Amino acid sequence: MLVDAHAHLLPRDYPPDAPGCFPRMEPIDGDTARLLVFGATRFRAREVFFDAERRIEAMDTSGVTAEVLTPMPPLLRYDLPPADGLSLARHVNEYTATLCAAGPGRLLGFGIVPMQDQDAAATELKAVREAGLLGVEIASNILGASIGDERFLPFFAEAERLDLPIFVHAMPAPTDRLPRSAMGTYVVGLEGTLAAASLITGGTAAACPDLRVSFSHAAGGFPLMVPRAQYFWGGTWNEEPPIPERAIAHTEGPSPLDHARRFYYDSMVFDRRALRYLIDLLGHDRLLVGSDYPAMEREDPAGRTLRSLDLPEAVLADITWHNAYRFLGIDPPR
């Protein structure tokens, strides 16, 4: 079995009477694909983005048992007026639920919420669960604000109360320190780092100990930075017992690495050496398979690099599927 815990969808269309700020999916002459038009975004969406039959065919070809489906990041538009953001989220969530109903047990959907309105976002979590969706996707920053900012704590607390997992997708924020061509590479890594670190430094991880959170692309550079935070916290190298009087920034309670080992991380890091590091530092029980499909192509077959590590059978099974069901909070199929 293999669960792809980072895969994307797009609705095939939007209501004809939708607000002008909504996206559009325009037909392409002589093509089964459609063109996503949303602000400055122009994206050719293949049929597999919105057709359940095509998705399942692609899964079978790649050796994928199930997909965790989240809307493409361009739909996480927190700059829309709150009422329009809520309407867009509800349309996308309804489409996601309908698509997943065509492949029960194989297509596992996540919803979105209007994070620009914290009250509406927290309230909408209940509707997400009632629609049969298994969790919520959010961006790594909310209009430039860190997700660990205290203003977002009630949202995370409500997700914890409802037992809804959160998938944090890196959302590149424009910067004048790197060229625009780096948005999909280095800036994605920076965003993952900041998002994961902010949940620890902002107190959300401590305040919501039962909240399940996963990060796209292994939270970027975060796994390389957290040992430094561990040293500042404990004053020792190699996670040796802390010596508080030598620490630079010691706090009571769990250490940075303790918090980091409560998160989940998709293992889409493109290199077996990076995978080994994640397993060694964070633990194999924290890793999920992810592909970004169909925005990016999967390995052929899915999980090829992971399987090349010659991991013990039980470890491989955890990463390829057990951990995904633990993150989702549901029983795996028999």
C-alpha atoms as a PDB file:
ATOM      1  CA  MET A   1       0.000   0.000   0.000  1.00  0.00           C
ATOM      2  CA  LEU A   2       1.053   3.584  -0.623  1.00  0.00           C
ATOM      3  CA  VAL A   3      -0.802   6.771   0.314  1.00  0.00           C
ATOM      4  CA  ASP A   4       0.158   9.976  -1.475  1.00  0.00           C
ATOM      5  CA  ALA A   5      -0.466  12.545   1.255  1.00  0.00           C
ATOM      6  CA  HIS A   6       0.304  15.584  -0.918  1.00  0.00           C
ATOM      7  CA  ALA A   7      -1.762  15.667  -4.097  1.00  0.00           C
ATOM      8  CA  HIS A   8      -3.870  18.442  -5.567  1.00  0.00           C
ATOM      9  CA  LEU A   9      -7.187  19.095  -7.266  1.00  0.00           C
ATOM     10  CA  LEU A  10      -8.970  21.938  -9.006  1.00  0.00           C
ATOM     11  CA  PRO A  11     -12.725  22.287  -9.494  1.00  0.00           C
ATOM     12  CA  ARG A  12     -13.776  21.801 -13.099  1.00  0.00           C
ATOM     13  CA  ASP A  13     -15.843  24.979 -13.080  1.00  0.00           C
ATOM     14  CA  TYR A  14     -17.432  27.690 -10.945  1.00  0.00           C
ATOM     15  CA  PRO A  15     -21.006  29.003 -10.724  1.00  0.00           C
ATOM     16  CA  PRO A  16     -21.916  31.295 -13.624  1.00  0.00           C
ATOM     17  CA  ASP A  17     -23.223  33.875 -11.139  1.00  0.00           C
ATOM     18  CA  ALA A  18     -20.066  33.757  -8.988  1.00  0.00           C
ATOM     19  CA  PRO A  19     -18.528  37.075  -7.898  1.00  0.00           C
ATOM     20  CA  GLY A  20     -16.095  38.627 -10.326  1.00  0.00           C
ATOM     21  CA  CYS A  21     -13.228  37.946  -7.923  1.00  0.00           C
ATOM     22  CA  PHE A  22     -13.762  34.169  -8.242  1.00  0.00           C
ATOM     23  CA  PRO A  23     -11.461  32.065 -10.410  1.00  0.00           C
ATOM     24  CA  ARG A  24     -12.600  30.806 -13.807  1.00  0.00           C
ATOM     25  CA  MET A  25     -11.924  27.495 -15.545  1.00  0.00           C
ATOM     26  CA  GLU A  26     -12.046  28.217 -19.240  1.00  0.00           C
ATOM     27  CA  PRO A  27     -12.279  25.498 -21.904  1.00  0.00           C
ATOM     28  CA  ILE A  28      -9.326  25.059 -24.247  1.00  0.00           C
ATOM     29  CA  ASP A  29     -10.213  24.376 -27.869  1.00  0.00           C
ATOM     30  CA  GLY A  30      -9.467  20.803 -28.896  1.00  0.00           C
ATOM     31  CA  ASP A  31      -8.237  19.866 -25.409  1.00  0.00           C
ATOM     32  CA  THR A  32      -9.755  18.087 -22.415  1.00  0.00           C
ATOM     33  CA  ALA A  33      -7.709  20.387 -20.156  1.00  0.00           C
ATOM     34  CA  ARG A  34      -9.069  23.677 -18.848  1.00  0.00           C
ATOM     35  CA  LEU A  35      -7.377  27.000 -18.167  1.00  0.00           C
ATOM     36  CA  LEU A  36      -7.428  28.308 -14.604  1.00  0.00           C
ATOM     37  CA  VAL A  37      -7.729  32.095 -14.683  1.00  0.00           C
ATOM     38  CA  PHE A  38      -7.427  33.695 -11.252  1.00  0.00           C
ATOM     39  CA  GLY A  39      -6.001  37.175 -11.007  1.00  0.00           C
ATOM     40  CA  ALA A  40      -2.582  37.014 -12.641  1.00  0.00           C
ATOM     41  CA  THR A  41      -2.575  33.199 -12.569  1.00  0.00           C
ATOM     42  CA  ARG A  42      -2.891  31.311 -15.853  1.00  0.00           C
ATOM     43  CA  PHE A  43      -2.559  27.574 -15.406  1.00  0.00           C
ATOM     44  CA  ARG A  44      -3.398  24.730 -17.786  1.00  0.00           C
ATOM     45  CA  ALA A  45      -5.136  22.106 -15.678  1.00  0.00           C
ATOM     46  CA  ARG A  46      -5.130  18.616 -17.123  1.00  0.00           C
ATOM     47  CA  GLU A  47      -8.280  16.549 -16.847  1.00  0.00           C
ATOM     48  CA  VAL A  48      -6.783  14.540 -14.000  1.00  0.00           C
ATOM     49  CA  PHE A  49      -7.115  17.622 -11.758  1.00  0.00           C
ATOM     50  CA  PHE A  50     -10.914  17.455 -11.784  1.00  0.00           C
ATOM     51  CA  ASP A  51     -11.977  14.034 -13.091  1.00  0.00           C
ATOM     52  CA  ALA A  52     -12.178  11.170 -10.586  1.00  0.00           C
ATOM     53  CA  GLU A  53     -11.934   8.430 -13.219  1.00  0.00           C
ATOM     54  CA  ARG A  54      -8.737   9.925 -14.668  1.00  0.00           C
ATOM     55  CA  ARG A  55      -7.280  10.287 -11.171  1.00  0.00           C
ATOM     56  CA  ILE A  56      -7.880   6.683 -10.244  1.00  0.00           C
ATOM     57  CA  GLU A  57      -6.414   5.512 -13.545  1.00  0.00           C
ATOM     58  CA  ALA A  58      -3.283   7.572 -12.827  1.00  0.00           C
ATOM     59  CA  MET A  59      -3.098   6.189  -9.284  1.00  0.00           C
ATOM     60  CA  ASP A  60      -3.304   2.624 -10.531  1.00  0.00           C
ATOM     61  CA  THR A  61      -0.562   3.295 -13.063  1.00  0.00           C
ATOM     62  CA  SER A  62       1.739   4.735 -10.371  1.00  0.00           C
ATOM     63  CA  GLY A  63       0.982   2.153  -7.682  1.00  0.00           C
ATOM     64  CA  VAL A  64      -0.875   4.569  -5.400  1.00  0.00           C
ATOM     65  CA  THR A  65      -3.550   3.133  -3.097  1.00  0.00           C
ATOM     66  CA  ALA A  66      -5.058   6.441  -1.964  1.00  0.00           C
ATOM     67  CA  GLU A  67      -4.504  10.177  -2.337  1.00  0.00           C
ATOM     68  CA  VAL A  68      -5.002  12.959   0.178  1.00  0.00           C
ATOM     69  CA  LEU A  69      -6.431  15.671  -2.064  1.00  0.00           C
ATOM     70  CA  THR A  70      -5.982  19.354  -1.289  1.00  0.00           C
ATOM     71  CA  PRO A  71      -6.919  22.311  -3.490  1.00  0.00           C
ATOM     72  CA  MET A  72      -4.121  23.860  -5.525  1.00  0.00           C
ATOM     73  CA  PRO A  73      -2.410  26.650  -3.540  1.00  0.00           C
ATOM     74  CA  PRO A  74      -3.555  29.452  -5.897  1.00  0.00           C
ATOM     75  CA  LEU A  75      -7.038  28.904  -4.437  1.00  0.00           C
ATOM     76  CA  LEU A  76      -5.777  29.900  -0.971  1.00  0.00           C
ATOM     77  CA  ARG A  77      -6.555  33.534  -1.675  1.00  0.00           C
ATOM     78  CA  TYR A  78      -6.715  35.289   1.662  1.00  0.00           C
ATOM     79  CA  ASP A  79      -6.730  38.687  -0.019  1.00  0.00           C
ATOM     80  CA  LEU A  80     -10.370  38.312  -1.101  1.00  0.00           C
ATOM     81  CA  PRO A  81     -13.097  40.080   0.881  1.00  0.00           C
ATOM     82  CA  PRO A  82     -14.072  37.757   3.752  1.00  0.00           C
ATOM     83  CA  ALA A  83     -17.570  37.019   2.416  1.00  0.00           C
ATOM     84  CA  ASP A  84     -16.186  36.129  -1.010  1.00  0.00           C
ATOM     85  CA  GLY A  85     -13.430  34.072   0.580  1.00  0.00           C
ATOM     86  CA  LEU A  86     -16.040  32.072   2.473  1.00  0.00           C
ATOM     87  CA  SER A  87     -18.135  31.558  -0.676  1.00  0.00           C
ATOM     88  CA  LEU A  88     -15.091  30.368  -2.600  1.00  0.00           C
ATOM     89  CA  ALA A  89     -14.096  27.970   0.179  1.00  0.00           C
ATOM     90  CA  ARG A  90     -17.594  26.491   0.303  1.00  0.00           C
ATOM     91  CA  HIS A  91     -17.709  25.955  -3.467  1.00  0.00           C
ATOM     92  CA  VAL A  92     -14.266  24.323  -3.497  1.00  0.00           C
ATOM     93  CA  ASN A  93     -15.147  22.150  -0.492  1.00  0.00           C
ATOM     94  CA  GLU A  94     -18.403  21.007  -2.079  1.00  0.00           C
ATOM     95  CA  TYR A  95     -16.555  20.092  -5.264  1.00  0.00           C
ATOM     96  CA  THR A  96     -13.865  18.257  -3.285  1.00  0.00           C
ATOM     97  CA  ALA A  97     -16.469  16.234  -1.383  1.00  0.00           C
ATOM     98  CA  THR A  98     -18.241  15.317  -4.621  1.00  0.00           C
ATOM     99  CA  LEU A  99     -15.002  14.288  -6.320  1.00  0.00           C
ATOM    100  CA  CYS A 100     -13.950  12.134  -3.363  1.00  0.00           C
ATOM    101  CA  ALA A 101     -17.372  10.473  -3.221  1.00  0.00           C
ATOM    102  CA  ALA A 102     -16.585   9.023  -6.649  1.00  0.00           C
ATOM    103  CA  GLY A 103     -13.611   7.143  -5.184  1.00  0.00           C
ATOM    104  CA  PRO A 104     -14.452   6.261  -1.571  1.00  0.00           C
ATOM    105  CA  GLY A 105     -11.434   5.108   0.372  1.00  0.00           C
ATOM    106  CA  ARG A 106      -9.100   6.146  -2.440  1.00  0.00           C
ATOM    107  CA  LEU A 107      -9.760   9.880  -2.748  1.00  0.00           C
ATOM    108  CA  LEU A 108      -9.462  11.528   0.680  1.00  0.00           C
ATOM    109  CA  GLY A 109     -10.340  15.207   0.626  1.00  0.00           C
ATOM    110  CA  PHE A 110      -9.261  18.238   2.629  1.00  0.00           C
ATOM    111  CA  GLY A 111     -11.171  21.503   2.712  1.00  0.00           C
ATOM    112  CA  ILE A 112     -10.122  25.138   2.809  1.00  0.00           C
ATOM    113  CA  VAL A 113     -11.369  28.009   4.981  1.00  0.00           C
ATOM    114  CA  PRO A 114     -11.176  31.827   4.759  1.00  0.00           C
ATOM    115  CA  MET A 115      -8.187  32.476   7.009  1.00  0.00           C
ATOM    116  CA  GLN A 116      -8.545  36.231   6.413  1.00  0.00           C
ATOM    117  CA  ASP A 117     -11.532  36.069   8.809  1.00  0.00           C
ATOM    118  CA  GLN A 118     -10.579  34.094  11.896  1.00  0.00           C
ATOM    119  CA  ASP A 119     -14.097  33.783  13.264  1.00  0.00           C
ATOM    120  CA  ALA A 120     -15.423  32.502   9.938  1.00  0.00           C
ATOM    121  CA  ALA A 121     -12.463  30.156   9.492  1.00  0.00           C
ATOM    122  CA  ALA A 122     -12.922  28.551  12.909  1.00  0.00           C
ATOM    123  CA  THR A 123     -16.696  28.294  12.462  1.00  0.00           C
ATOM    124  CA  GLU A 124     -16.331  26.728   9.012  1.00  0.00           C
ATOM    125  CA  LEU A 125     -14.269  23.844  10.378  1.00  0.00           C
ATOM    126  CA  LYS A 126     -17.445  22.141  11.565  1.00  0.00           C
ATOM    127  CA  ALA A 127     -18.939  22.395   8.078  1.00  0.00           C
ATOM    128  CA  VAL A 128     -15.769  20.886   6.622  1.00  0.00           C
ATOM    129  CA  ARG A 129     -16.126  17.855   8.862  1.00  0.00           C
ATOM    130  CA  GLU A 130     -19.868  17.541   8.179  1.00  0.00           C
ATOM    131  CA  ALA A 131     -19.123  17.519   4.428  1.00  0.00           C
ATOM    132  CA  GLY A 132     -17.090  14.347   4.935  1.00  0.00           C
ATOM    133  CA  LEU A 133     -13.733  16.027   4.423  1.00  0.00           C
ATOM    134  CA  LEU A 134     -10.930  14.783   6.632  1.00  0.00           C
ATOM    135  CA  GLY A 135      -8.906  17.911   7.316  1.00  0.00           C
ATOM    136  CA  VAL A 136      -8.061  21.450   6.255  1.00  0.00           C
ATOM    137  CA  GLU A 137      -5.328  22.925   4.090  1.00  0.00           C
ATOM    138  CA  ILE A 138      -3.910  26.347   4.939  1.00  0.00           C
ATOM    139  CA  ALA A 139      -1.061  28.411   3.516  1.00  0.00           C
ATOM    140  CA  SER A 140       2.234  28.840   5.344  1.00  0.00           C
ATOM    141  CA  ASN A 141       1.499  32.514   5.903  1.00  0.00           C
ATOM    142  CA  ILE A 142      -1.715  34.509   6.162  1.00  0.00           C
ATOM    143  CA  LEU A 143      -1.243  37.669   4.132  1.00  0.00           C
ATOM    144  CA  GLY A 144       2.360  37.762   5.316  1.00  0.00           C
ATOM    145  CA  ALA A 145       1.628  36.938   8.966  1.00  0.00           C
ATOM    146  CA  SER A 146       3.130  33.816  10.545  1.00  0.00           C
ATOM    147  CA  ILE A 147       0.622  31.057  11.236  1.00  0.00           C
ATOM    148  CA  GLY A 148       2.048  30.855  14.753  1.00  0.00           C
ATOM    149  CA  ASP A 149       0.836  34.373  15.527  1.00  0.00           C
ATOM    150  CA  GLU A 150      -1.415  34.338  18.598  1.00  0.00           C
ATOM    151  CA  ARG A 151      -4.355  35.703  16.575  1.00  0.00           C
ATOM    152  CA  PHE A 152      -4.640  32.305  14.846  1.00  0.00           C
ATOM    153  CA  LEU A 153      -4.544  30.242  18.035  1.00  0.00           C
ATOM    154  CA  PRO A 154      -8.369  29.988  18.372  1.00  0.00           C
ATOM    155  CA  PHE A 155      -8.512  28.500  14.858  1.00  0.00           C
ATOM    156  CA  PHE A 156      -5.943  25.825  15.702  1.00  0.00           C
ATOM    157  CA  ALA A 157      -7.609  25.143  19.042  1.00  0.00           C
ATOM    158  CA  GLU A 158     -10.939  24.547  17.281  1.00  0.00           C
ATOM    159  CA  ALA A 159      -9.287  22.218  14.766  1.00  0.00           C
ATOM    160  CA  GLU A 160      -7.791  20.307  17.705  1.00  0.00           C
ATOM    161  CA  ARG A 161     -11.194  20.134  19.416  1.00  0.00           C
ATOM    162  CA  LEU A 162     -12.832  18.779  16.242  1.00  0.00           C
ATOM    163  CA  ASP A 163      -9.945  16.346  15.669  1.00  0.00           C
ATOM    164  CA  LEU A 164      -9.300  17.831  12.217  1.00  0.00           C
ATOM    165  CA  PRO A 165      -5.705  17.601  10.963  1.00  0.00           C
ATOM    166  CA  ILE A 166      -4.084  20.591   9.263  1.00  0.00           C
ATOM    167  CA  PHE A 167      -1.945  20.460   6.119  1.00  0.00           C
ATOM    168  CA  VAL A 168       0.325  23.503   5.818  1.00  0.00           C
ATOM    169  CA  HIS A 169       1.289  24.173   2.214  1.00  0.00           C
ATOM    170  CA  ALA A 170       4.276  26.427   1.569  1.00  0.00           C
ATOM    171  CA  MET A 171       3.052  29.638  -0.056  1.00  0.00           C
ATOM    172  CA  PRO A 172       5.923  31.714  -1.452  1.00  0.00           C
ATOM    173  CA  ALA A 173       5.766  35.322  -0.333  1.00  0.00           C
ATOM    174  CA  PRO A 174       7.431  37.863  -2.636  1.00  0.00           C
ATOM    175  CA  THR A 175      10.816  39.066  -1.448  1.00  0.00           C
ATOM    176  CA  ASP A 176      13.356  41.485  -2.870  1.00  0.00           C
ATOM    177  CA  ARG A 177      16.199  39.344  -1.506  1.00  0.00           C
ATOM    178  CA  LEU A 178      15.814  36.619  -4.148  1.00  0.00           C
ATOM    179  CA  PRO A 179      14.772  36.738  -7.809  1.00  0.00           C
ATOM    180  CA  ARG A 180      11.262  35.759  -8.795  1.00  0.00           C
ATOM    181  CA  SER A 181      12.658  32.589 -10.373  1.00  0.00           C
ATOM    182  CA  ALA A 182      13.474  31.375  -6.847  1.00  0.00           C
ATOM    183  CA  MET A 183       9.851  31.465  -5.653  1.00  0.00           C
ATOM    184  CA  GLY A 184       9.298  27.761  -6.312  1.00  0.00           C
ATOM    185  CA  THR A 185      12.639  26.623  -4.929  1.00  0.00           C
ATOM    186  CA  TYR A 186      14.410  28.525  -2.165  1.00  0.00           C
ATOM    187  CA  VAL A 187      11.433  30.634  -1.108  1.00  0.00           C
ATOM    188  CA  VAL A 188       9.235  27.546  -0.730  1.00  0.00           C
ATOM    189  CA  GLY A 189      11.900  26.163   1.608  1.00  0.00           C
ATOM    190  CA  LEU A 190      12.016  29.384   3.589  1.00  0.00           C
ATOM    191  CA  GLU A 191       8.242  29.438   3.946  1.00  0.00           C
ATOM    192  CA  GLY A 192       8.138  25.906   5.314  1.00  0.00           C
ATOM    193  CA  THR A 193      10.860  26.760   7.799  1.00  0.00           C
ATOM    194  CA  LEU A 194       9.095  29.885   9.055  1.00  0.00           C
ATOM    195  CA  ALA A 195       5.706  28.184   9.326  1.00  0.00           C
ATOM    196  CA  ALA A 196       6.941  25.242  11.391  1.00  0.00           C
ATOM    197  CA  ALA A 197       9.189  27.404  13.567  1.00  0.00           C
ATOM    198  CA  SER A 198       6.389  29.880  14.233  1.00  0.00           C
ATOM    199  CA  LEU A 199       4.083  27.179  15.598  1.00  0.00           C
ATOM    200  CA  ILE A 200       6.775  26.392  18.166  1.00  0.00           C
ATOM    201  CA  THR A 201       7.984  29.901  19.008  1.00  0.00           C
ATOM    202  CA  GLY A 202       4.478  31.372  18.990  1.00  0.00           C
ATOM    203  CA  GLY A 203       3.215  28.821  21.509  1.00  0.00           C
ATOM    204  CA  THR A 204       0.660  27.040  19.303  1.00  0.00           C
ATOM    205  CA  ALA A 205       2.439  23.683  19.508  1.00  0.00           C
ATOM    206  CA  ALA A 206       2.461  23.862  23.307  1.00  0.00           C
ATOM    207  CA  ALA A 207      -1.123  25.134  23.549  1.00  0.00           C
ATOM    208  CA  CYS A 208      -2.518  22.456  21.198  1.00  0.00           C
ATOM    209  CA  PRO A 209      -0.638  19.267  22.089  1.00  0.00           C
ATOM    210  CA  ASP A 210      -3.130  16.980  20.325  1.00  0.00           C
ATOM    211  CA  LEU A 211      -3.287  18.967  17.080  1.00  0.00           C
ATOM    212  CA  ARG A 212      -2.022  17.009  14.068  1.00  0.00           C
ATOM    213  CA  VAL A 213      -0.143  19.170  11.556  1.00  0.00           C
ATOM    214  CA  SER A 214       1.762  18.187   8.429  1.00  0.00           C
ATOM    215  CA  PHE A 215       4.032  20.328   6.292  1.00  0.00           C
ATOM    216  CA  SER A 216       4.607  20.186   2.570  1.00  0.00           C
ATOM    217  CA  HIS A 217       8.127  19.451   1.340  1.00  0.00           C
ATOM    218  CA  ALA A 218       9.296  18.441   4.833  1.00  0.00           C
ATOM    219  CA  ALA A 219       8.890  22.036   6.071  1.00  0.00           C
ATOM    220  CA  GLY A 220      11.746  23.230   3.883  1.00  0.00           C
ATOM    221  CA  GLY A 221      14.895  24.003   5.851  1.00  0.00           C
ATOM    222  CA  PHE A 222      13.250  23.537   9.255  1.00  0.00           C
ATOM    223  CA  PRO A 223      14.746  20.069   9.939  1.00  0.00           C
ATOM    224  CA  LEU A 224      18.247  21.543   9.500  1.00  0.00           C
ATOM    225  CA  MET A 225      17.503  24.540  11.724  1.00  0.00           C
ATOM    226  CA  VAL A 226      15.824  22.782  14.636  1.00  0.00           C
ATOM    227  CA  PRO A 227      19.075  21.269  16.022  1.00  0.00           C
ATOM    228  CA  ARG A 228      20.365  24.829  16.439  1.00  0.00           C
ATOM    229  CA  ALA A 229      17.184  25.721  18.319  1.00  0.00           C
ATOM    230  CA  GLN A 230      17.715  22.590  20.415  1.00  0.00           C
ATOM    231  CA  TYR A 231      21.224  23.767  21.345  1.00  0.00           C
ATOM    232  CA  PHE A 232      19.954  27.208  22.332  1.00  0.00           C
ATOM    233  CA  TRP A 233      17.283  25.526  24.460  1.00  0.00           C
ATOM    234  CA  GLY A 234      19.459  22.905  26.137  1.00  0.00           C
ATOM    235  CA  GLY A 235      23.044  24.105  25.875  1.00  0.00           C
ATOM    236  CA  THR A 236      24.323  20.741  24.595  1.00  0.00           C
ATOM    237  CA  TRP A 237      25.162  19.127  21.281  1.00  0.00           C
ATOM    238  CA  ASN A 238      23.669  15.949  19.810  1.00  0.00           C
ATOM    239  CA  GLU A 239      20.517  16.152  21.919  1.00  0.00           C
ATOM    240  CA  GLU A 240      22.430  15.263  25.054  1.00  0.00           C
ATOM    241  CA  PRO A 241      20.669  15.984  28.385  1.00  0.00           C
ATOM    242  CA  PRO A 242      20.086  19.736  28.745  1.00  0.00           C
ATOM    243  CA  ILE A 243      22.225  21.909  30.985  1.00  0.00           C
ATOM    244  CA  PRO A 244      19.918  24.891  31.591  1.00  0.00           C
ATOM    245  CA  GLU A 245      22.640  27.126  33.015  1.00  0.00           C
ATOM    246  CA  ARG A 246      24.518  26.785  29.695  1.00  0.00           C
ATOM    247  CA  ALA A 247      21.432  27.325  27.558  1.00  0.00           C
ATOM    248  CA  ILE A 248      20.897  30.567  25.686  1.00  0.00           C
ATOM    249  CA  ALA A 249      17.106  30.426  25.437  1.00  0.00           C
ATOM    250  CA  HIS A 250      15.874  27.716  27.790  1.00  0.00           C
ATOM    251  CA  THR A 251      12.141  27.450  28.484  1.00  0.00           C
ATOM    252  CA  GLU A 252      10.200  24.996  30.605  1.00  0.00           C
ATOM    253  CA  GLY A 253       8.329  22.244  28.831  1.00  0.00           C
ATOM    254  CA  PRO A 254       9.033  20.287  25.641  1.00  0.00           C
ATOM    255  CA  SER A 255      12.207  21.007  23.707  1.00  0.00           C
ATOM    256  CA  PRO A 256      12.226  22.240  20.095  1.00  0.00           C
ATOM    257  CA  LEU A 257      12.943  18.709  18.890  1.00  0.00           C
ATOM    258  CA  ASP A 258      10.124  17.336  21.041  1.00  0.00           C
ATOM    259  CA  HIS A 259       7.739  19.724  19.302  1.00  0.00           C
ATOM    260  CA  ALA A 260       9.213  18.978  15.872  1.00  0.00           C
ATOM    261  CA  ARG A 261       8.619  15.263  16.397  1.00  0.00           C
ATOM    262  CA  ARG A 262       4.916  15.896  16.894  1.00  0.00           C
ATOM    263  CA  PHE A 263       4.549  17.308  13.384  1.00  0.00           C
ATOM    264  CA  TYR A 264       4.257  15.258  10.209  1.00  0.00           C
ATOM    265  CA  TYR A 265       6.290  15.969   7.067  1.00  0.00           C
ATOM    266  CA  ASP A 266       5.779  14.874   3.504  1.00  0.00           C
ATOM    267  CA  SER A 267       8.966  13.344   2.186  1.00  0.00           C
ATOM    268  CA  MET A 268       9.048  15.129  -1.177  1.00  0.00           C
ATOM    269  CA  VAL A 269      12.673  16.230  -0.796  1.00  0.00           C
ATOM    270  CA  PHE A 270      14.048  14.817  -4.079  1.00  0.00           C
ATOM    271  CA  ASP A 271      17.123  13.057  -2.680  1.00  0.00           C
ATOM    272  CA  ARG A 272      17.662   9.823  -0.766  1.00  0.00           C
ATOM    273  CA  ARG A 273      20.310  11.512   1.412  1.00  0.00           C
ATOM    274  CA  ALA A 274      17.745  14.060   2.575  1.00  0.00           C
ATOM    275  CA  LEU A 275      15.292  11.259   3.299  1.00  0.00           C
ATOM    276  CA  ARG A 276      17.834   9.462   5.461  1.00  0.00           C
ATOM    277  CA  TYR A 277      18.449  12.644   7.436  1.00  0.00           C
ATOM    278  CA  LEU A 278      14.731  13.140   8.072  1.00  0.00           C
ATOM    279  CA  ILE A 279      14.366   9.553   9.252  1.00  0.00           C
ATOM    280  CA  ASP A 280      17.416   9.860  11.509  1.00  0.00           C
ATOM    281  CA  LEU A 281      16.520  13.214  13.089  1.00  0.00           C
ATOM    282  CA  LEU A 282      12.725  13.284  13.178  1.00  0.00           C
ATOM    283  CA  GLY A 283      11.848   9.591  13.093  1.00  0.00           C
ATOM    284  CA  HIS A 284      10.291   7.408  10.427  1.00  0.00           C
ATOM    285  CA  ASP A 285       6.934   7.701  12.194  1.00  0.00           C
ATOM    286  CA  ARG A 286       6.779  11.409  11.246  1.00  0.00           C
ATOM    287  CA  LEU A 287       7.138  11.006   7.474  1.00  0.00           C
ATOM    288  CA  LEU A 288       4.514  10.767   4.745  1.00  0.00           C
ATOM    289  CA  VAL A 289       4.780  10.147   1.030  1.00  0.00           C
ATOM    290  CA  GLY A 290       4.029  13.246  -1.055  1.00  0.00           C
ATOM    291  CA  SER A 291       4.229  14.079  -4.739  1.00  0.00           C
ATOM    292  CA  ASP A 292       2.454  17.401  -5.505  1.00  0.00           C
ATOM    293  CA  TYR A 293       0.708  15.444  -8.277  1.00  0.00           C
ATOM    294  CA  PRO A 294      -0.533  16.434 -10.805  1.00  0.00           C
ATOM    295  CA  ALA A 295       1.118  19.853 -10.489  1.00  0.00           C
ATOM    296  CA  MET A 296       4.351  17.858 -10.599  1.00  0.00           C
ATOM    297  CA  GLU A 297       4.913  14.354 -11.909  1.00  0.00           C
ATOM    298  CA  ARG A 298       5.262  11.484  -9.485  1.00  0.00           C
ATOM    299  CA  GLU A 299       8.252   9.206  -9.399  1.00  0.00           C
ATOM    300  CA  ASP A 300       7.681   6.092 -11.476  1.00  0.00           C
ATOM    301  CA  PRO A 301       6.629   4.105  -9.581  1.00  0.00           C
ATOM    302  CA  ALA A 302       5.527   6.254  -6.651  1.00  0.00           C
ATOM    303  CA  GLY A 303       7.927   6.021  -3.707  1.00  0.00           C
ATOM    304  CA  ARG A 304      10.808   4.705  -5.843  1.00  0.00           C
ATOM    305  CA  THR A 305      13.533   6.643  -3.996  1.00  0.00           C
ATOM    306  CA  LEU A 306      12.072   5.773  -0.604  1.00  0.00           C
ATOM    307  CA  ARG A 307      12.105   2.079  -1.479  1.00  0.00           C
ATOM    308  CA  SER A 308      15.720   2.339  -2.649  1.00  0.00           C
ATOM    309  CA  LEU A 309      16.838   3.005   0.948  1.00  0.00           C
ATOM    310  CA  ASP A 310      16.452  -0.680   1.896  1.00  0.00           C
ATOM    311  CA  LEU A 311      14.537   0.232   5.032  1.00  0.00           C
ATOM    312  CA  PRO A 312      13.158  -2.468   7.333  1.00  0.00           C
ATOM    313  CA  GLU A 313       9.750  -3.623   6.138  1.00  0.00           C
ATOM    314  CA  ALA A 314       7.906  -2.164   9.143  1.00  0.00           C
ATOM    315  CA  VAL A 315       9.633   1.224   8.732  1.00  0.00           C
ATOM    316  CA  LEU A 316       8.788   1.360   5.029  1.00  0.00           C
ATOM    317  CA  ALA A 317       5.166   0.432   5.743  1.00  0.00           C
ATOM    318  CA  ASP A 318       4.902   3.238   8.287  1.00  0.00           C
ATOM    319  CA  ILE A 319       6.130   5.845   5.815  1.00  0.00           C
ATOM    320  CA  THR A 320       4.198   4.564   2.809  1.00  0.00           C
ATOM    321  CA  TRP A 321       0.830   4.246   4.504  1.00  0.00           C
ATOM    322  CA  HIS A 322       0.509   3.716   8.277  1.00  0.00           C
ATOM    323  CA  ASN A 323       1.597   7.262   9.145  1.00  0.00           C
ATOM    324  CA  ALA A 324      -0.861   8.765   6.671  1.00  0.00           C
ATOM    325  CA  TYR A 325      -3.826   7.136   8.382  1.00  0.00           C
ATOM    326  CA  ARG A 326      -2.500   8.155  11.783  1.00  0.00           C
ATOM    327  CA  PHE A 327      -2.230  11.739  10.582  1.00  0.00           C
ATOM    328  CA  LEU A 328      -5.747  11.588   9.131  1.00  0.00           C
ATOM    329  CA  GLY A 329      -7.109  10.028  12.316  1.00  0.00           C
ATOM    330  CA  ILE A 330      -8.944   7.244  10.482  1.00  0.00           C
ATOM    331  CA  ASP A 331      -8.591   3.489  10.323  1.00  0.00           C
ATOM    332  CA  PRO A 332      -6.776   2.107   7.284  1.00  0.00           C
ATOM    333  CA  PRO A 333      -8.735  -0.130   4.889  1.00  0.00           C
ATOM    334  CA  ARG A 334      -8.667  -3.818   5.593  1.00  0.00           C
END
